């Protein structure tokens, strides 16, 4: 009789190097290892791509340039020229998630974006940074984003409530969406 396999086994976090700090478990896990691997793979691609700096790009340089142009256009379309100072952060997050998802497609690998703890942490860090930058840039006018222009005064309380709820639930909805997509996709592949 064939042994039954659980398709959810692939999401189990296994400690590779146990580290205990009092009651805190700070072990280096398979999730941590694949995060480090994603950073190393991204760094390797970028270093390999700019190594020759040819005027006619090779494969690696073309791949890096296409990635760069894709993110640069997305930042420009959504933020405008004011987004230029944040480009490197956005590009880094994009490449980290991209390589994490690519590595997760390899057989017997681990997809760290299939864990809500990873996606919610990234979403909350970005949410806090965006909110702080918005306050620094706009000051008290930041609150005007919660009441769209031209809204009748009678609808203002309802619109403000909707906008505030929308703003504060966005990091949770985005992190749940990435986590759920990765977990569902990899579970289906395993089944």
N, C-alpha and C. Protein backbone atom coordinates (compact mmCIF):
# COMPACT_ATOMS: atom_id res chain seq x y z
N UNK A 1 0.84 -1.18 0.00
CA UNK A 1 0.00 0.00 0.00
C UNK A 1 0.89 1.24 0.00
N UNK A 2 0.58 2.19 -0.86
CA UNK A 2 1.38 3.40 -1.00
C UNK A 2 1.17 4.31 0.21
N UNK A 3 2.25 4.97 0.59
CA UNK A 3 2.19 5.89 1.73
C UNK A 3 1.53 7.20 1.29
N UNK A 4 0.60 7.69 2.08
CA UNK A 4 -0.10 8.94 1.77
C UNK A 4 0.79 10.12 2.13
N UNK A 5 0.86 11.10 1.24
CA UNK A 5 1.65 12.30 1.48
C UNK A 5 0.73 13.47 1.75
N UNK A 6 1.09 14.26 2.70
CA UNK A 6 0.34 15.46 3.05
C UNK A 6 0.89 16.62 2.22
N UNK A 7 0.07 17.26 1.38
CA UNK A 7 0.58 18.36 0.56
C UNK A 7 0.96 19.59 1.37
N UNK A 8 0.59 19.64 2.64
CA UNK A 8 0.93 20.78 3.48
C UNK A 8 2.27 20.61 4.19
N UNK A 9 2.89 19.43 4.07
CA UNK A 9 4.20 19.19 4.69
C UNK A 9 5.25 20.17 4.18
N UNK A 10 5.11 20.59 2.92
CA UNK A 10 6.11 21.47 2.31
C UNK A 10 6.16 22.84 2.97
N UNK A 11 5.17 23.20 3.78
CA UNK A 11 5.12 24.51 4.41
C UNK A 11 5.63 24.50 5.85
N UNK A 12 6.03 23.33 6.33
CA UNK A 12 6.52 23.22 7.70
C UNK A 12 7.89 23.89 7.83
N UNK A 13 8.01 24.69 8.86
CA UNK A 13 9.28 25.36 9.13
C UNK A 13 10.12 24.43 9.99
N UNK A 14 11.30 24.11 9.50
CA UNK A 14 12.21 23.19 10.18
C UNK A 14 13.45 23.96 10.63
N UNK A 15 13.83 23.84 11.90
CA UNK A 15 15.07 24.51 12.34
C UNK A 15 16.29 23.81 11.74
N UNK A 16 17.18 24.60 11.15
CA UNK A 16 18.43 24.06 10.61
C UNK A 16 19.57 24.24 11.60
N UNK A 17 19.61 25.40 12.24
CA UNK A 17 20.60 25.69 13.28
C UNK A 17 19.83 26.18 14.50
N UNK A 18 19.63 25.32 15.50
CA UNK A 18 18.86 25.73 16.67
C UNK A 18 19.60 26.82 17.47
N UNK A 19 18.89 27.90 17.76
CA UNK A 19 19.44 29.00 18.55
C UNK A 19 18.39 29.38 19.59
N UNK A 20 18.72 29.24 20.85
CA UNK A 20 17.82 29.60 21.94
C UNK A 20 18.41 30.80 22.68
N UNK A 21 17.60 31.85 22.81
CA UNK A 21 17.97 33.03 23.59
C UNK A 21 16.99 33.15 24.74
N UNK A 22 17.28 32.43 25.81
CA UNK A 22 16.34 32.35 26.93
C UNK A 22 15.11 31.59 26.48
N UNK A 23 13.95 32.23 26.59
CA UNK A 23 12.70 31.60 26.16
C UNK A 23 12.43 31.82 24.67
N UNK A 24 13.24 32.64 24.03
CA UNK A 24 13.05 32.97 22.63
C UNK A 24 13.75 31.96 21.72
N UNK A 25 13.01 31.45 20.75
CA UNK A 25 13.58 30.54 19.75
C UNK A 25 13.97 31.37 18.53
N UNK A 26 15.26 31.60 18.35
CA UNK A 26 15.77 32.38 17.23
C UNK A 26 16.52 31.49 16.25
N UNK A 27 16.03 30.28 16.06
CA UNK A 27 16.70 29.30 15.21
C UNK A 27 16.76 29.76 13.75
N UNK A 28 17.84 29.37 13.10
CA UNK A 28 17.97 29.59 11.66
C UNK A 28 17.22 28.44 10.99
N UNK A 29 16.15 28.77 10.26
CA UNK A 29 15.24 27.76 9.73
C UNK A 29 15.37 27.63 8.22
N UNK A 30 14.60 26.68 7.66
CA UNK A 30 14.56 26.54 6.21
C UNK A 30 13.99 27.81 5.57
N UNK A 31 13.08 28.47 6.24
CA UNK A 31 12.53 29.73 5.74
C UNK A 31 13.63 30.79 5.69
N UNK A 32 14.41 30.89 6.76
CA UNK A 32 15.52 31.85 6.80
C UNK A 32 16.54 31.53 5.72
N UNK A 33 16.82 30.25 5.53
CA UNK A 33 17.82 29.84 4.53
C UNK A 33 17.37 30.25 3.13
N UNK A 34 16.09 30.08 2.81
CA UNK A 34 15.62 30.44 1.48
C UNK A 34 15.52 31.96 1.32
N UNK A 35 15.31 32.69 2.41
CA UNK A 35 15.36 34.14 2.32
C UNK A 35 16.78 34.60 2.01
N UNK A 36 17.74 34.01 2.69
CA UNK A 36 19.15 34.34 2.42
C UNK A 36 19.49 33.94 0.98
N UNK A 37 19.02 32.79 0.55
CA UNK A 37 19.28 32.33 -0.82
C UNK A 37 18.67 33.29 -1.84
N UNK A 38 17.49 33.84 -1.56
CA UNK A 38 16.85 34.81 -2.46
C UNK A 38 17.69 36.08 -2.55
N UNK A 39 18.23 36.53 -1.42
CA UNK A 39 19.09 37.72 -1.41
C UNK A 39 20.38 37.44 -2.19
N UNK A 40 20.97 36.27 -1.96
CA UNK A 40 22.21 35.91 -2.66
C UNK A 40 21.95 35.78 -4.16
N UNK A 41 20.85 35.15 -4.56
CA UNK A 41 20.53 35.00 -5.99
C UNK A 41 20.29 36.35 -6.66
N UNK A 42 19.59 37.24 -5.98
CA UNK A 42 19.35 38.58 -6.52
C UNK A 42 20.66 39.33 -6.67
N UNK A 43 21.48 39.28 -5.64
CA UNK A 43 22.79 39.95 -5.68
C UNK A 43 23.66 39.38 -6.79
N UNK A 44 23.66 38.06 -6.91
CA UNK A 44 24.45 37.39 -7.95
C UNK A 44 23.99 37.85 -9.34
N UNK A 45 22.67 37.90 -9.56
CA UNK A 45 22.15 38.35 -10.86
C UNK A 45 22.60 39.77 -11.16
N UNK A 46 22.47 40.66 -10.20
CA UNK A 46 22.81 42.06 -10.44
C UNK A 46 24.31 42.24 -10.67
N UNK A 47 25.13 41.54 -9.88
CA UNK A 47 26.59 41.63 -10.05
C UNK A 47 26.99 41.04 -11.39
N UNK A 48 26.42 39.89 -11.74
CA UNK A 48 26.71 39.26 -13.03
C UNK A 48 26.27 40.15 -14.19
N UNK A 49 25.16 40.83 -14.00
CA UNK A 49 24.61 41.67 -15.07
C UNK A 49 25.46 42.89 -15.35
N UNK A 50 26.00 43.52 -14.31
CA UNK A 50 26.75 44.76 -14.52
C UNK A 50 28.25 44.52 -14.64
N UNK A 51 28.66 43.28 -14.57
CA UNK A 51 30.08 42.95 -14.63
C UNK A 51 30.73 43.43 -15.92
N UNK A 52 30.11 43.19 -17.05
CA UNK A 52 30.74 43.55 -18.33
C UNK A 52 30.37 44.95 -18.80
N UNK A 53 29.20 45.44 -18.43
CA UNK A 53 28.70 46.76 -18.81
C UNK A 53 28.87 47.02 -20.31
N UNK A 54 28.37 46.10 -21.09
CA UNK A 54 28.49 46.20 -22.54
C UNK A 54 27.43 47.14 -23.10
N UNK A 55 27.76 47.80 -24.21
CA UNK A 55 26.76 48.67 -24.85
C UNK A 55 25.70 47.82 -25.55
N UNK A 56 26.07 46.62 -25.98
CA UNK A 56 25.10 45.65 -26.48
C UNK A 56 24.98 44.59 -25.39
N UNK A 57 23.89 44.62 -24.65
CA UNK A 57 23.80 43.76 -23.46
C UNK A 57 23.72 42.28 -23.79
N UNK A 58 24.34 41.50 -22.90
CA UNK A 58 24.21 40.05 -22.98
C UNK A 58 22.93 39.63 -22.27
N UNK A 59 22.76 38.33 -22.09
CA UNK A 59 21.53 37.81 -21.47
C UNK A 59 21.30 38.34 -20.06
N UNK A 60 22.34 38.27 -19.23
CA UNK A 60 22.19 38.67 -17.83
C UNK A 60 21.96 40.17 -17.71
N UNK A 61 22.71 40.93 -18.48
CA UNK A 61 22.54 42.38 -18.44
C UNK A 61 21.15 42.77 -18.95
N UNK A 62 20.69 42.08 -19.99
CA UNK A 62 19.36 42.36 -20.54
C UNK A 62 18.28 42.04 -19.50
N UNK A 63 18.44 40.93 -18.81
CA UNK A 63 17.48 40.55 -17.78
C UNK A 63 17.43 41.59 -16.65
N UNK A 64 18.60 42.04 -16.21
CA UNK A 64 18.65 43.05 -15.16
C UNK A 64 18.08 44.38 -15.64
N UNK A 65 18.40 44.77 -16.87
CA UNK A 65 17.89 46.03 -17.41
C UNK A 65 16.38 45.99 -17.59
N UNK A 66 15.85 44.85 -18.04
CA UNK A 66 14.39 44.73 -18.18
C UNK A 66 13.70 44.80 -16.83
N UNK A 67 14.28 44.17 -15.82
CA UNK A 67 13.72 44.24 -14.47
C UNK A 67 13.75 45.68 -13.96
N UNK A 68 14.87 46.33 -14.17
CA UNK A 68 15.03 47.72 -13.74
C UNK A 68 14.01 48.62 -14.43
N UNK A 69 13.88 48.49 -15.74
CA UNK A 69 12.95 49.32 -16.51
C UNK A 69 11.50 49.06 -16.11
N UNK A 70 11.16 47.80 -15.86
CA UNK A 70 9.80 47.44 -15.47
C UNK A 70 9.43 48.14 -14.16
N UNK A 71 10.30 48.05 -13.17
CA UNK A 71 10.02 48.66 -11.87
C UNK A 71 10.08 50.17 -11.97
N UNK A 72 11.04 50.70 -12.73
CA UNK A 72 11.15 52.15 -12.88
C UNK A 72 9.89 52.73 -13.51
N UNK A 73 9.34 52.05 -14.52
CA UNK A 73 8.11 52.52 -15.16
C UNK A 73 6.94 52.43 -14.20
N UNK A 74 6.86 51.35 -13.43
CA UNK A 74 5.78 51.19 -12.48
C UNK A 74 5.83 52.28 -11.41
N UNK A 75 7.02 52.58 -10.90
CA UNK A 75 7.18 53.64 -9.89
C UNK A 75 6.82 54.99 -10.50
N UNK A 76 7.29 55.23 -11.70
CA UNK A 76 7.01 56.50 -12.38
C UNK A 76 5.52 56.67 -12.65
N UNK A 77 4.85 55.62 -13.10
CA UNK A 77 3.41 55.69 -13.40
C UNK A 77 2.57 55.90 -12.14
N UNK A 78 3.00 55.31 -11.02
CA UNK A 78 2.19 55.38 -9.80
C UNK A 78 2.55 56.53 -8.88
N UNK A 79 3.82 56.90 -8.83
CA UNK A 79 4.25 57.93 -7.89
C UNK A 79 4.72 59.20 -8.61
N UNK A 80 5.21 59.03 -9.82
CA UNK A 80 5.76 60.18 -10.54
C UNK A 80 7.22 60.38 -10.20
N UNK A 81 7.72 61.57 -10.50
CA UNK A 81 9.14 61.85 -10.25
C UNK A 81 9.47 61.89 -8.76
N UNK A 82 8.45 62.09 -7.92
CA UNK A 82 8.68 62.11 -6.48
C UNK A 82 9.04 60.72 -5.95
N UNK A 83 8.81 59.67 -6.73
CA UNK A 83 9.10 58.31 -6.29
C UNK A 83 10.54 57.90 -6.51
N UNK A 84 11.31 58.72 -7.19
CA UNK A 84 12.70 58.36 -7.50
C UNK A 84 13.54 58.03 -6.27
N UNK A 85 13.42 58.78 -5.17
CA UNK A 85 14.23 58.42 -3.99
C UNK A 85 13.90 57.06 -3.39
N UNK A 86 12.71 56.54 -3.68
CA UNK A 86 12.27 55.27 -3.09
C UNK A 86 12.44 54.09 -4.05
N UNK A 87 12.96 54.38 -5.24
CA UNK A 87 13.07 53.34 -6.26
C UNK A 87 13.91 52.15 -5.80
N UNK A 88 15.06 52.41 -5.20
CA UNK A 88 15.94 51.29 -4.81
C UNK A 88 15.27 50.39 -3.78
N UNK A 89 14.52 50.96 -2.85
CA UNK A 89 13.80 50.15 -1.86
C UNK A 89 12.73 49.31 -2.54
N UNK A 90 11.95 49.92 -3.43
CA UNK A 90 10.88 49.20 -4.13
C UNK A 90 11.46 48.10 -5.01
N UNK A 91 12.55 48.42 -5.71
CA UNK A 91 13.21 47.44 -6.58
C UNK A 91 13.73 46.25 -5.75
N UNK A 92 14.30 46.54 -4.59
CA UNK A 92 14.83 45.49 -3.73
C UNK A 92 13.73 44.57 -3.22
N UNK A 93 12.64 45.15 -2.76
CA UNK A 93 11.51 44.35 -2.27
C UNK A 93 10.95 43.49 -3.41
N UNK A 94 10.80 44.10 -4.59
CA UNK A 94 10.27 43.36 -5.75
C UNK A 94 11.15 42.17 -6.09
N UNK A 95 12.45 42.38 -6.18
CA UNK A 95 13.37 41.30 -6.55
C UNK A 95 13.43 40.23 -5.46
N UNK A 96 13.36 40.63 -4.19
CA UNK A 96 13.35 39.67 -3.09
C UNK A 96 12.14 38.75 -3.17
N UNK A 97 10.96 39.33 -3.37
CA UNK A 97 9.74 38.52 -3.48
C UNK A 97 9.77 37.68 -4.75
N UNK A 98 10.21 38.27 -5.86
CA UNK A 98 10.29 37.55 -7.13
C UNK A 98 11.20 36.32 -7.02
N UNK A 99 12.40 36.51 -6.49
CA UNK A 99 13.32 35.38 -6.36
C UNK A 99 12.84 34.38 -5.32
N UNK A 100 12.18 34.86 -4.28
CA UNK A 100 11.60 33.93 -3.30
C UNK A 100 10.55 33.04 -3.94
N UNK A 101 9.73 33.63 -4.81
CA UNK A 101 8.70 32.85 -5.50
C UNK A 101 9.32 31.92 -6.54
N UNK A 102 10.35 32.39 -7.25
CA UNK A 102 11.03 31.53 -8.23
C UNK A 102 11.70 30.34 -7.53
N UNK A 103 12.39 30.60 -6.43
CA UNK A 103 13.05 29.51 -5.71
C UNK A 103 12.02 28.51 -5.19
N UNK A 104 10.87 28.99 -4.81
CA UNK A 104 9.81 28.11 -4.31
C UNK A 104 9.26 27.17 -5.36
N UNK A 105 9.50 27.46 -6.63
CA UNK A 105 9.01 26.57 -7.69
C UNK A 105 9.94 25.40 -7.95
N UNK A 106 11.13 25.45 -7.38
CA UNK A 106 12.06 24.33 -7.56
C UNK A 106 11.61 23.15 -6.70
N UNK A 107 11.73 21.94 -7.22
CA UNK A 107 11.33 20.78 -6.42
C UNK A 107 12.13 20.69 -5.12
N UNK A 108 11.46 20.32 -4.04
CA UNK A 108 12.03 20.13 -2.71
C UNK A 108 12.57 21.43 -2.10
N UNK A 109 12.09 22.55 -2.59
CA UNK A 109 12.51 23.83 -2.01
C UNK A 109 11.44 24.34 -1.05
N UNK A 110 11.60 25.56 -0.59
CA UNK A 110 10.70 26.14 0.38
C UNK A 110 10.28 27.52 -0.12
N UNK A 111 8.99 27.81 -0.03
CA UNK A 111 8.47 29.10 -0.47
C UNK A 111 8.17 29.93 0.77
N UNK A 112 9.07 30.87 1.09
CA UNK A 112 8.87 31.65 2.32
C UNK A 112 7.72 32.64 2.21
N UNK A 113 7.31 33.00 0.99
CA UNK A 113 6.16 33.90 0.84
C UNK A 113 4.83 33.17 1.04
N UNK A 114 4.90 31.87 1.31
CA UNK A 114 3.68 31.12 1.61
C UNK A 114 3.36 31.14 3.10
N UNK A 115 4.08 31.95 3.85
CA UNK A 115 3.85 32.08 5.29
C UNK A 115 3.37 33.50 5.60
N UNK A 116 2.26 33.58 6.28
CA UNK A 116 1.64 34.87 6.59
C UNK A 116 2.57 35.73 7.44
N UNK A 117 3.41 35.14 8.26
CA UNK A 117 4.33 35.92 9.10
C UNK A 117 5.30 36.73 8.24
N UNK A 118 5.74 36.15 7.15
CA UNK A 118 6.67 36.85 6.25
C UNK A 118 5.96 37.96 5.50
N UNK A 119 4.82 37.64 4.91
CA UNK A 119 4.12 38.63 4.09
C UNK A 119 3.56 39.77 4.93
N UNK A 120 3.04 39.47 6.12
CA UNK A 120 2.48 40.53 6.96
C UNK A 120 3.59 41.43 7.50
N UNK A 121 4.75 40.87 7.78
CA UNK A 121 5.87 41.68 8.25
C UNK A 121 6.33 42.64 7.16
N UNK A 122 6.48 42.15 5.94
CA UNK A 122 6.87 43.04 4.85
C UNK A 122 5.81 44.11 4.61
N UNK A 123 4.54 43.72 4.64
CA UNK A 123 3.46 44.68 4.40
C UNK A 123 3.40 45.74 5.50
N UNK A 124 3.57 45.33 6.75
CA UNK A 124 3.52 46.30 7.85
C UNK A 124 4.70 47.26 7.83
N UNK A 125 5.88 46.76 7.51
CA UNK A 125 7.06 47.64 7.40
C UNK A 125 6.82 48.69 6.30
N UNK A 126 6.33 48.25 5.16
CA UNK A 126 6.06 49.18 4.06
C UNK A 126 4.94 50.14 4.44
N UNK A 127 3.89 49.66 5.09
CA UNK A 127 2.77 50.50 5.51
C UNK A 127 3.25 51.60 6.47
N UNK A 128 4.06 51.23 7.44
CA UNK A 128 4.58 52.20 8.41
C UNK A 128 5.48 53.22 7.71
N UNK A 129 6.36 52.75 6.83
CA UNK A 129 7.23 53.67 6.10
C UNK A 129 6.42 54.64 5.24
N UNK A 130 5.43 54.15 4.53
CA UNK A 130 4.61 55.01 3.68
C UNK A 130 3.86 56.04 4.52
N UNK A 131 3.33 55.61 5.66
CA UNK A 131 2.59 56.53 6.52
C UNK A 131 3.52 57.60 7.10
N UNK A 132 4.70 57.22 7.54
CA UNK A 132 5.67 58.19 8.07
C UNK A 132 6.09 59.17 6.98
N UNK A 133 6.39 58.66 5.79
CA UNK A 133 6.79 59.54 4.69
C UNK A 133 5.66 60.49 4.32
N UNK A 134 4.42 59.99 4.32
CA UNK A 134 3.27 60.84 4.01
C UNK A 134 3.12 61.95 5.04
N UNK A 135 3.30 61.63 6.33
CA UNK A 135 3.23 62.66 7.36
C UNK A 135 4.35 63.68 7.22
N UNK A 136 5.56 63.19 6.93
CA UNK A 136 6.69 64.11 6.76
C UNK A 136 6.50 65.02 5.55
N UNK A 137 5.96 64.47 4.49
CA UNK A 137 5.80 65.22 3.24
C UNK A 137 4.60 66.16 3.27
N UNK A 138 3.48 65.72 3.85
CA UNK A 138 2.24 66.49 3.78
C UNK A 138 1.81 67.09 5.11
N UNK A 139 2.41 66.67 6.21
CA UNK A 139 2.02 67.19 7.51
C UNK A 139 0.58 66.85 7.83
N UNK A 140 -0.13 67.81 8.39
CA UNK A 140 -1.52 67.60 8.80
C UNK A 140 -2.44 67.40 7.60
N UNK A 141 -2.01 67.86 6.42
CA UNK A 141 -2.81 67.66 5.21
C UNK A 141 -2.94 66.19 4.84
N UNK A 142 -2.13 65.33 5.46
CA UNK A 142 -2.22 63.90 5.21
C UNK A 142 -3.65 63.41 5.43
N UNK A 143 -4.31 63.98 6.43
CA UNK A 143 -5.67 63.53 6.76
C UNK A 143 -6.69 63.89 5.68
N UNK A 144 -6.34 64.82 4.80
CA UNK A 144 -7.26 65.18 3.71
C UNK A 144 -7.40 64.03 2.70
N UNK A 145 -6.48 63.08 2.72
CA UNK A 145 -6.59 61.92 1.83
C UNK A 145 -7.79 61.04 2.18
N UNK A 146 -8.28 61.18 3.41
CA UNK A 146 -9.40 60.36 3.84
C UNK A 146 -10.76 60.95 3.47
N UNK A 147 -10.76 62.14 2.85
CA UNK A 147 -12.01 62.73 2.37
C UNK A 147 -11.77 63.22 0.95
N UNK A 148 -12.20 62.43 -0.04
CA UNK A 148 -11.98 62.84 -1.43
C UNK A 148 -12.66 64.18 -1.74
N UNK A 149 -12.05 64.93 -2.63
CA UNK A 149 -12.58 66.25 -3.00
C UNK A 149 -13.95 66.10 -3.66
N UNK A 150 -14.83 67.04 -3.36
CA UNK A 150 -16.15 67.07 -3.99
C UNK A 150 -17.19 66.21 -3.32
N UNK A 151 -16.88 65.59 -2.19
CA UNK A 151 -17.85 64.75 -1.49
C UNK A 151 -18.83 65.66 -0.75
N UNK A 152 -20.14 65.44 -0.90
CA UNK A 152 -21.12 66.25 -0.14
C UNK A 152 -20.90 66.09 1.37
N UNK A 153 -21.11 67.16 2.09
CA UNK A 153 -20.83 67.18 3.53
C UNK A 153 -21.64 66.13 4.30
N UNK A 154 -22.82 65.80 3.81
CA UNK A 154 -23.63 64.77 4.48
C UNK A 154 -23.00 63.38 4.38
N UNK A 155 -22.26 63.14 3.29
CA UNK A 155 -21.61 61.83 3.11
C UNK A 155 -20.21 61.78 3.72
N UNK A 156 -19.72 62.93 4.20
CA UNK A 156 -18.35 62.99 4.73
C UNK A 156 -18.08 61.97 5.83
N UNK A 157 -18.93 61.84 6.85
CA UNK A 157 -18.61 60.85 7.90
C UNK A 157 -18.51 59.42 7.36
N UNK A 158 -19.40 59.06 6.47
CA UNK A 158 -19.37 57.72 5.88
C UNK A 158 -18.12 57.53 5.03
N UNK A 159 -17.80 58.52 4.21
CA UNK A 159 -16.63 58.42 3.33
C UNK A 159 -15.33 58.35 4.14
N UNK A 160 -15.24 59.15 5.19
CA UNK A 160 -14.04 59.13 6.03
C UNK A 160 -13.89 57.75 6.67
N UNK A 161 -14.98 57.21 7.19
CA UNK A 161 -14.93 55.87 7.81
C UNK A 161 -14.48 54.82 6.80
N UNK A 162 -15.04 54.87 5.59
CA UNK A 162 -14.67 53.91 4.55
C UNK A 162 -13.20 54.04 4.18
N UNK A 163 -12.74 55.28 3.99
CA UNK A 163 -11.35 55.51 3.60
C UNK A 163 -10.36 55.10 4.68
N UNK A 164 -10.70 55.37 5.94
CA UNK A 164 -9.81 54.98 7.06
C UNK A 164 -9.73 53.47 7.16
N UNK A 165 -10.87 52.81 7.08
CA UNK A 165 -10.88 51.34 7.12
C UNK A 165 -10.09 50.77 5.95
N UNK A 166 -10.30 51.34 4.77
CA UNK A 166 -9.57 50.90 3.58
C UNK A 166 -8.07 51.07 3.75
N UNK A 167 -7.66 52.19 4.29
CA UNK A 167 -6.23 52.48 4.46
C UNK A 167 -5.57 51.51 5.44
N UNK A 168 -6.24 51.26 6.56
CA UNK A 168 -5.63 50.41 7.59
C UNK A 168 -5.75 48.92 7.31
N UNK A 169 -6.66 48.52 6.44
CA UNK A 169 -6.77 47.09 6.11
C UNK A 169 -5.93 46.70 4.90
N UNK A 170 -5.46 47.69 4.16
CA UNK A 170 -4.68 47.41 2.94
C UNK A 170 -3.47 46.51 3.19
N UNK A 171 -2.62 46.75 4.21
CA UNK A 171 -1.47 45.85 4.38
C UNK A 171 -1.89 44.41 4.69
N UNK A 172 -3.00 44.26 5.41
CA UNK A 172 -3.46 42.91 5.73
C UNK A 172 -4.00 42.20 4.49
N UNK A 173 -4.77 42.93 3.69
CA UNK A 173 -5.34 42.30 2.49
C UNK A 173 -4.24 41.94 1.49
N UNK A 174 -3.24 42.81 1.33
CA UNK A 174 -2.15 42.50 0.40
C UNK A 174 -1.31 41.34 0.88
N UNK A 175 -1.03 41.29 2.18
CA UNK A 175 -0.20 40.19 2.69
C UNK A 175 -0.96 38.87 2.64
N UNK A 176 -2.25 38.91 2.93
CA UNK A 176 -3.05 37.67 2.86
C UNK A 176 -3.16 37.19 1.42
N UNK A 177 -3.26 38.13 0.49
CA UNK A 177 -3.38 37.73 -0.92
C UNK A 177 -2.11 37.04 -1.41
N UNK A 178 -0.93 37.59 -1.09
CA UNK A 178 0.32 36.95 -1.51
C UNK A 178 0.48 35.59 -0.83
N UNK A 179 0.25 35.54 0.47
CA UNK A 179 0.38 34.30 1.21
C UNK A 179 -0.58 33.23 0.67
N UNK A 180 -1.83 33.61 0.46
CA UNK A 180 -2.84 32.64 0.00
C UNK A 180 -2.54 32.16 -1.41
N UNK A 181 -2.11 33.05 -2.29
CA UNK A 181 -1.76 32.64 -3.65
C UNK A 181 -0.60 31.66 -3.66
N UNK A 182 0.42 31.93 -2.89
CA UNK A 182 1.59 31.05 -2.85
C UNK A 182 1.23 29.70 -2.22
N UNK A 183 0.49 29.74 -1.13
CA UNK A 183 0.14 28.49 -0.46
C UNK A 183 -0.79 27.65 -1.33
N UNK A 184 -1.80 28.27 -1.91
CA UNK A 184 -2.75 27.52 -2.75
C UNK A 184 -2.06 26.96 -3.99
N UNK A 185 -1.25 27.78 -4.63
CA UNK A 185 -0.57 27.32 -5.84
C UNK A 185 0.36 26.16 -5.58
N UNK A 186 1.13 26.24 -4.50
CA UNK A 186 2.09 25.16 -4.20
C UNK A 186 1.38 23.91 -3.67
N UNK A 187 0.26 24.10 -2.98
CA UNK A 187 -0.52 22.94 -2.54
C UNK A 187 -1.09 22.21 -3.74
N UNK A 188 -1.62 22.96 -4.70
CA UNK A 188 -2.17 22.33 -5.92
C UNK A 188 -1.08 21.60 -6.70
N UNK A 189 0.10 22.20 -6.81
CA UNK A 189 1.19 21.52 -7.50
C UNK A 189 1.57 20.21 -6.81
N UNK A 190 1.57 20.24 -5.48
CA UNK A 190 1.94 19.03 -4.73
C UNK A 190 0.88 17.94 -4.86
N UNK A 191 -0.41 18.37 -4.88
CA UNK A 191 -1.50 17.40 -5.03
C UNK A 191 -1.41 16.77 -6.40
